[in-house]
Amino acid sequence: MMETLVIYNVPQSKLDFYRDLAKTLGGQMTSTAPETDGEFTIVILVPKDS
């Protein structure tokens, strides 16, 4: 089972950090949506702990 994490206000300079973090946790970054202020909202799926 996967858990969905939505993170708002991510600067472009941090996108690779969050992508690598998701991979390290065994998941993936599934969506990146630009915000009106130049930052991004991202969606990460990670395995849910039992």
PDB file of N, CA and C in Angstrom:
ATOM      1  N   MET A   1       0.846  -1.166   0.000  1.00  0.00           N
ATOM      2  CA  MET A   1       0.000   0.000   0.000  1.00  0.00           C
ATOM      3  C   MET A   1       0.896   1.235   0.000  1.00  0.00           C
ATOM      4  N   MET A   2       0.480   2.236  -0.763  1.00  0.00           N
ATOM      5  CA  MET A   2       1.258   3.471  -0.890  1.00  0.00           C
ATOM      6  C   MET A   2       0.568   4.621  -0.161  1.00  0.00           C
ATOM      7  N   GLU A   3       1.369   5.537   0.302  1.00  0.00           N
ATOM      8  CA  GLU A   3       0.869   6.744   0.948  1.00  0.00           C
ATOM      9  C   GLU A   3       1.187   7.934   0.040  1.00  0.00           C
ATOM     10  N   THR A   4       0.242   8.849  -0.072  1.00  0.00           N
ATOM     11  CA  THR A   4       0.407  10.027  -0.922  1.00  0.00           C
ATOM     12  C   THR A   4       0.790  11.229  -0.072  1.00  0.00           C
ATOM     13  N   LEU A   5       1.874  11.882  -0.470  1.00  0.00           N
ATOM     14  CA  LEU A   5       2.318  13.103   0.197  1.00  0.00           C
ATOM     15  C   LEU A   5       2.202  14.249  -0.799  1.00  0.00           C
ATOM     16  N   VAL A   6       1.533  15.322  -0.410  1.00  0.00           N
ATOM     17  CA  VAL A   6       1.428  16.518  -1.240  1.00  0.00           C
ATOM     18  C   VAL A   6       2.212  17.614  -0.532  1.00  0.00           C
ATOM     19  N   ILE A   7       3.166  18.197  -1.251  1.00  0.00           N
ATOM     20  CA  ILE A   7       4.024  19.226  -0.675  1.00  0.00           C
ATOM     21  C   ILE A   7       3.887  20.486  -1.515  1.00  0.00           C
ATOM     22  N   TYR A   8       3.543  21.579  -0.872  1.00  0.00           N
ATOM     23  CA  TYR A   8       3.313  22.863  -1.539  1.00  0.00           C
ATOM     24  C   TYR A   8       4.532  23.764  -1.397  1.00  0.00           C
ATOM     25  N   ASN A   9       4.617  24.756  -2.267  1.00  0.00           N
ATOM     26  CA  ASN A   9       5.628  25.818  -2.182  1.00  0.00           C
ATOM     27  C   ASN A   9       7.060  25.307  -2.250  1.00  0.00           C
ATOM     28  N   VAL A  10       7.302  24.387  -3.173  1.00  0.00           N
ATOM     29  CA  VAL A  10       8.646  23.840  -3.356  1.00  0.00           C
ATOM     30  C   VAL A  10       9.366  24.680  -4.412  1.00  0.00           C
ATOM     31  N   PRO A  11      10.506  25.284  -4.058  1.00  0.00           N
ATOM     32  CA  PRO A  11      11.260  26.042  -5.055  1.00  0.00           C
ATOM     33  C   PRO A  11      11.854  25.097  -6.110  1.00  0.00           C
ATOM     34  N   GLN A  12      12.044  25.597  -7.305  1.00  0.00           N
ATOM     35  CA  GLN A  12      12.581  24.777  -8.381  1.00  0.00           C
ATOM     36  C   GLN A  12      13.926  24.161  -8.000  1.00  0.00           C
ATOM     37  N   SER A  13      14.719  24.874  -7.237  1.00  0.00           N
ATOM     38  CA  SER A  13      16.041  24.382  -6.836  1.00  0.00           C
ATOM     39  C   SER A  13      15.962  23.148  -5.930  1.00  0.00           C
ATOM     40  N   LYS A  14      14.797  22.859  -5.343  1.00  0.00           N
ATOM     41  CA  LYS A  14      14.636  21.712  -4.439  1.00  0.00           C
ATOM     42  C   LYS A  14      13.944  20.514  -5.090  1.00  0.00           C
ATOM     43  N   LEU A  15      13.543  20.619  -6.367  1.00  0.00           N
ATOM     44  CA  LEU A  15      12.816  19.522  -7.008  1.00  0.00           C
ATOM     45  C   LEU A  15      13.647  18.239  -7.065  1.00  0.00           C
ATOM     46  N   ASP A  16      14.918  18.344  -7.431  1.00  0.00           N
ATOM     47  CA  ASP A  16      15.768  17.151  -7.483  1.00  0.00           C
ATOM     48  C   ASP A  16      15.933  16.534  -6.104  1.00  0.00           C
ATOM     49  N   PHE A  17      16.027  17.363  -5.073  1.00  0.00           N
ATOM     50  CA  PHE A  17      16.128  16.857  -3.702  1.00  0.00           C
ATOM     51  C   PHE A  17      14.925  15.978  -3.362  1.00  0.00           C
ATOM     52  N   TYR A  18      13.716  16.479  -3.642  1.00  0.00           N
ATOM     53  CA  TYR A  18      12.514  15.712  -3.321  1.00  0.00           C
ATOM     54  C   TYR A  18      12.379  14.468  -4.190  1.00  0.00           C
ATOM     55  N   ARG A  19      12.796  14.546  -5.451  1.00  0.00           N
ATOM     56  CA  ARG A  19      12.773  13.378  -6.330  1.00  0.00           C
ATOM     57  C   ARG A  19      13.709  12.291  -5.778  1.00  0.00           C
ATOM     58  N   ASP A  20      14.913  12.682  -5.369  1.00  0.00           N
ATOM     59  CA  ASP A  20      15.874  11.732  -4.801  1.00  0.00           C
ATOM     60  C   ASP A  20      15.390  11.187  -3.461  1.00  0.00           C
ATOM     61  N   LEU A  21      14.765  12.027  -2.660  1.00  0.00           N
ATOM     62  CA  LEU A  21      14.226  11.590  -1.375  1.00  0.00           C
ATOM     63  C   LEU A  21      13.156  10.523  -1.574  1.00  0.00           C
ATOM     64  N   ALA A  22      12.272  10.751  -2.527  1.00  0.00           N
ATOM     65  CA  ALA A  22      11.218   9.773  -2.809  1.00  0.00           C
ATOM     66  C   ALA A  22      11.824   8.434  -3.205  1.00  0.00           C
ATOM     67  N   LYS A  23      12.845   8.446  -4.052  1.00  0.00           N
ATOM     68  CA  LYS A  23      13.504   7.202  -4.472  1.00  0.00           C
ATOM     69  C   LYS A  23      14.162   6.510  -3.290  1.00  0.00           C
ATOM     70  N   THR A  24      14.802   7.286  -2.424  1.00  0.00           N
ATOM     71  CA  THR A  24      15.456   6.727  -1.239  1.00  0.00           C
ATOM     72  C   THR A  24      14.442   6.027  -0.328  1.00  0.00           C
ATOM     73  N   LEU A  25      13.232   6.563  -0.265  1.00  0.00           N
ATOM     74  CA  LEU A  25      12.177   5.979   0.569  1.00  0.00           C
ATOM     75  C   LEU A  25      11.433   4.855  -0.137  1.00  0.00           C
ATOM     76  N   GLY A  26      11.850   4.521  -1.350  1.00  0.00           N
ATOM     77  CA  GLY A  26      11.213   3.441  -2.085  1.00  0.00           C
ATOM     78  C   GLY A  26       9.990   3.862  -2.868  1.00  0.00           C
ATOM     79  N   GLY A  27       9.847   5.147  -3.103  1.00  0.00           N
ATOM     80  CA  GLY A  27       8.682   5.657  -3.825  1.00  0.00           C
ATOM     81  C   GLY A  27       9.085   6.443  -5.050  1.00  0.00           C
ATOM     82  N   GLN A  28       8.202   7.344  -5.448  1.00  0.00           N
ATOM     83  CA  GLN A  28       8.487   8.185  -6.608  1.00  0.00           C
ATOM     84  C   GLN A  28       7.707   9.484  -6.545  1.00  0.00           C
ATOM     85  N   MET A  29       8.244  10.497  -7.197  1.00  0.00           N
ATOM     86  CA  MET A  29       7.535  11.756  -7.342  1.00  0.00           C
ATOM     87  C   MET A  29       6.671  11.614  -8.593  1.00  0.00           C
ATOM     88  N   THR A  30       5.355  11.711  -8.429  1.00  0.00           N
ATOM     89  CA  THR A  30       4.446  11.411  -9.524  1.00  0.00           C
ATOM     90  C   THR A  30       3.905  12.642 -10.234  1.00  0.00           C
ATOM     91  N   SER A  31       3.971  13.803  -9.594  1.00  0.00           N
ATOM     92  CA  SER A  31       3.387  14.995 -10.203  1.00  0.00           C
ATOM     93  C   SER A  31       4.136  16.231  -9.744  1.00  0.00           C
ATOM     94  N   THR A  32       4.306  17.161 -10.683  1.00  0.00           N
ATOM     95  CA  THR A  32       4.903  18.458 -10.393  1.00  0.00           C
ATOM     96  C   THR A  32       4.046  19.505 -11.084  1.00  0.00           C
ATOM     97  N   ALA A  33       3.408  20.363 -10.308  1.00  0.00           N
ATOM     98  CA  ALA A  33       2.528  21.385 -10.870  1.00  0.00           C
ATOM     99  C   ALA A  33       3.041  22.771 -10.503  1.00  0.00           C
ATOM    100  N   PRO A  34       3.238  23.635 -11.500  1.00  0.00           N
ATOM    101  CA  PRO A  34       3.694  24.993 -11.197  1.00  0.00           C
ATOM    102  C   PRO A  34       2.620  25.794 -10.467  1.00  0.00           C
ATOM    103  N   GLU A  35       3.060  26.621  -9.539  1.00  0.00           N
ATOM    104  CA  GLU A  35       2.179  27.552  -8.829  1.00  0.00           C
ATOM    105  C   GLU A  35       2.337  28.946  -9.435  1.00  0.00           C
ATOM    106  N   THR A  36       1.420  29.817  -9.139  1.00  0.00           N
ATOM    107  CA  THR A  36       1.450  31.175  -9.713  1.00  0.00           C
ATOM    108  C   THR A  36       2.638  32.006  -9.221  1.00  0.00           C
ATOM    109  N   ASP A  37       3.218  31.618  -8.078  1.00  0.00           N
ATOM    110  CA  ASP A  37       4.340  32.379  -7.524  1.00  0.00           C
ATOM    111  C   ASP A  37       5.703  31.867  -7.983  1.00  0.00           C
ATOM    112  N   GLY A  38       5.721  30.902  -8.930  1.00  0.00           N
ATOM    113  CA  GLY A  38       6.983  30.390  -9.442  1.00  0.00           C
ATOM    114  C   GLY A  38       7.480  29.148  -8.731  1.00  0.00           C
ATOM    115  N   GLU A  39       6.827  28.771  -7.642  1.00  0.00           N
ATOM    116  CA  GLU A  39       7.194  27.545  -6.950  1.00  0.00           C
ATOM    117  C   GLU A  39       6.320  26.410  -7.476  1.00  0.00           C
ATOM    118  N   PHE A  40       6.433  25.220  -6.858  1.00  0.00           N
ATOM    119  CA  PHE A  40       5.738  24.053  -7.362  1.00  0.00           C
ATOM    120  C   PHE A  40       5.007  23.311  -6.247  1.00  0.00           C
ATOM    121  N   THR A  41       3.934  22.641  -6.613  1.00  0.00           N
ATOM    122  CA  THR A  41       3.268  21.670  -5.757  1.00  0.00           C
ATOM    123  C   THR A  41       3.657  20.312  -6.311  1.00  0.00           C
ATOM    124  N   ILE A  42       4.155  19.430  -5.443  1.00  0.00           N
ATOM    125  CA  ILE A  42       4.555  18.100  -5.887  1.00  0.00           C
ATOM    126  C   ILE A  42       3.766  17.031  -5.156  1.00  0.00           C
ATOM    127  N   VAL A  43       3.634  15.884  -5.810  1.00  0.00           N
ATOM    128  CA  VAL A  43       2.985  14.727  -5.222  1.00  0.00           C
ATOM    129  C   VAL A  43       3.987  13.588  -5.228  1.00  0.00           C
ATOM    130  N   ILE A  44       4.167  12.979  -4.054  1.00  0.00           N
ATOM    131  CA  ILE A  44       5.103  11.876  -3.890  1.00  0.00           C
ATOM    132  C   ILE A  44       4.322  10.669  -3.363  1.00  0.00           C
ATOM    133  N   LEU A  45       4.587   9.502  -3.942  1.00  0.00           N
ATOM    134  CA  LEU A  45       4.025   8.248  -3.445  1.00  0.00           C
ATOM    135  C   LEU A  45       5.153   7.477  -2.774  1.00  0.00           C
ATOM    136  N   VAL A  46       4.926   7.045  -1.534  1.00  0.00           N
ATOM    137  CA  VAL A  46       5.900   6.247  -0.795  1.00  0.00           C
ATOM    138  C   VAL A  46       5.188   5.061  -0.171  1.00  0.00           C
ATOM    139  N   PRO A  47       5.918   3.959   0.055  1.00  0.00           N
ATOM    140  CA  PRO A  47       5.284   2.815   0.714  1.00  0.00           C
ATOM    141  C   PRO A  47       4.822   3.183   2.114  1.00  0.00           C
ATOM    142  N   LYS A  48       3.649   2.700   2.463  1.00  0.00           N
ATOM    143  CA  LYS A  48       3.085   2.941   3.791  1.00  0.00           C
ATOM    144  C   LYS A  48       3.687   1.924   4.773  1.00  0.00           C
ATOM    145  N   ASP A  49       4.114   2.402   5.922  1.00  0.00           N
ATOM    146  CA  ASP A  49       4.637   1.499   6.958  1.00  0.00           C
ATOM    147  C   ASP A  49       3.508   0.660   7.519  1.00  0.00           C
ATOM    148  N   SER A  50       3.819  -0.583   7.809  1.00  0.00           N
ATOM    149  CA  SER A  50       2.811  -1.479   8.409  1.00  0.00           C
ATOM    150  C   SER A  50       2.772  -1.344   9.894  1.00  0.00           C
TER     151      SER A  50
END
